[in-house]
Amino acid sequence: MSRGKDKSAKKKPEKTLKEKRADKKSKKGLEI
């Protein structure tokens, strides 16, 4: 069962708040 969870986690990785904030910063940097 643990292997199945690992596979699903790799397919749909949940982004943490830090990762979401980093994405926003990188997107703003690309726009400028």
N, C-alpha and C. Protein backbone atom coordinates (compact mmCIF):
# COMPACT_ATOMS: atom_id res chain seq x y z
N MET A 1 0.84 -1.21 0.00
CA MET A 1 0.00 0.00 0.00
C MET A 1 0.87 1.26 0.00
N SER A 2 1.99 1.19 0.67
CA SER A 2 2.86 2.36 0.73
C SER A 2 3.38 2.71 -0.67
N ARG A 3 3.64 1.68 -1.48
CA ARG A 3 4.14 1.95 -2.84
C ARG A 3 3.08 2.68 -3.66
N GLY A 4 1.82 2.25 -3.54
CA GLY A 4 0.74 2.89 -4.28
C GLY A 4 0.62 4.35 -3.88
N LYS A 5 0.79 4.62 -2.58
CA LYS A 5 0.70 6.01 -2.12
C LYS A 5 1.83 6.83 -2.72
N ASP A 6 3.02 6.26 -2.80
CA ASP A 6 4.16 6.98 -3.37
C ASP A 6 3.88 7.34 -4.83
N LYS A 7 3.31 6.40 -5.57
CA LYS A 7 3.04 6.66 -6.99
C LYS A 7 2.03 7.79 -7.14
N SER A 8 0.95 7.75 -6.35
CA SER A 8 -0.07 8.79 -6.46
C SER A 8 0.51 10.14 -6.03
N ALA A 9 1.40 10.13 -5.07
CA ALA A 9 2.00 11.38 -4.59
C ALA A 9 2.87 11.99 -5.68
N LYS A 10 3.55 11.13 -6.45
CA LYS A 10 4.41 11.65 -7.52
C LYS A 10 3.56 12.21 -8.66
N LYS A 11 2.42 11.58 -8.93
CA LYS A 11 1.55 12.04 -10.02
C LYS A 11 0.92 13.39 -9.67
N LYS A 12 0.40 13.49 -8.44
CA LYS A 12 -0.24 14.74 -8.02
C LYS A 12 0.41 15.24 -6.73
N PRO A 13 1.57 15.88 -6.83
CA PRO A 13 2.24 16.38 -5.63
C PRO A 13 1.53 17.61 -5.07
N GLU A 14 1.18 17.55 -3.79
CA GLU A 14 0.51 18.70 -3.18
C GLU A 14 1.53 19.78 -2.86
N LYS A 15 1.29 20.98 -3.34
CA LYS A 15 2.24 22.08 -3.09
C LYS A 15 2.03 22.64 -1.69
N THR A 16 3.11 22.88 -1.00
CA THR A 16 3.03 23.48 0.33
C THR A 16 2.86 24.99 0.16
N LEU A 17 2.53 25.68 1.24
CA LEU A 17 2.35 27.13 1.16
C LEU A 17 3.63 27.79 0.68
N LYS A 18 4.76 27.28 1.13
CA LYS A 18 6.05 27.87 0.71
C LYS A 18 6.23 27.72 -0.79
N GLU A 19 5.89 26.56 -1.32
CA GLU A 19 6.05 26.33 -2.77
C GLU A 19 5.10 27.24 -3.55
N LYS A 20 3.87 27.41 -3.04
CA LYS A 20 2.91 28.28 -3.73
C LYS A 20 3.43 29.71 -3.75
N ARG A 21 3.99 30.16 -2.62
CA ARG A 21 4.52 31.52 -2.55
C ARG A 21 5.69 31.67 -3.51
N ALA A 22 6.52 30.64 -3.59
CA ALA A 22 7.69 30.68 -4.49
C ALA A 22 7.20 30.79 -5.93
N ASP A 23 6.13 30.06 -6.26
CA ASP A 23 5.58 30.11 -7.62
C ASP A 23 5.11 31.53 -7.95
N LYS A 24 4.43 32.16 -6.99
CA LYS A 24 3.94 33.53 -7.23
C LYS A 24 5.12 34.47 -7.47
N LYS A 25 6.17 34.32 -6.67
CA LYS A 25 7.34 35.18 -6.82
C LYS A 25 8.00 34.96 -8.18
N SER A 26 8.15 33.71 -8.58
CA SER A 26 8.80 33.40 -9.86
C SER A 26 7.94 33.92 -11.01
N LYS A 27 6.63 33.81 -10.89
CA LYS A 27 5.74 34.30 -11.96
C LYS A 27 5.87 35.82 -12.08
N LYS A 28 5.93 36.51 -10.94
CA LYS A 28 6.08 37.97 -10.97
C LYS A 28 7.41 38.33 -11.62
N GLY A 29 8.44 37.57 -11.30
CA GLY A 29 9.77 37.85 -11.86
C GLY A 29 9.76 37.68 -13.37
N LEU A 30 9.03 36.68 -13.87
CA LEU A 30 8.98 36.45 -15.32
C LEU A 30 8.20 37.56 -16.01
N GLU A 31 7.17 38.07 -15.35
CA GLU A 31 6.34 39.12 -15.96
C GLU A 31 7.14 40.40 -16.15
N ILE A 32 7.99 40.74 -15.18
CA ILE A 32 8.74 42.02 -15.24
C ILE A 32 9.75 41.99 -16.38
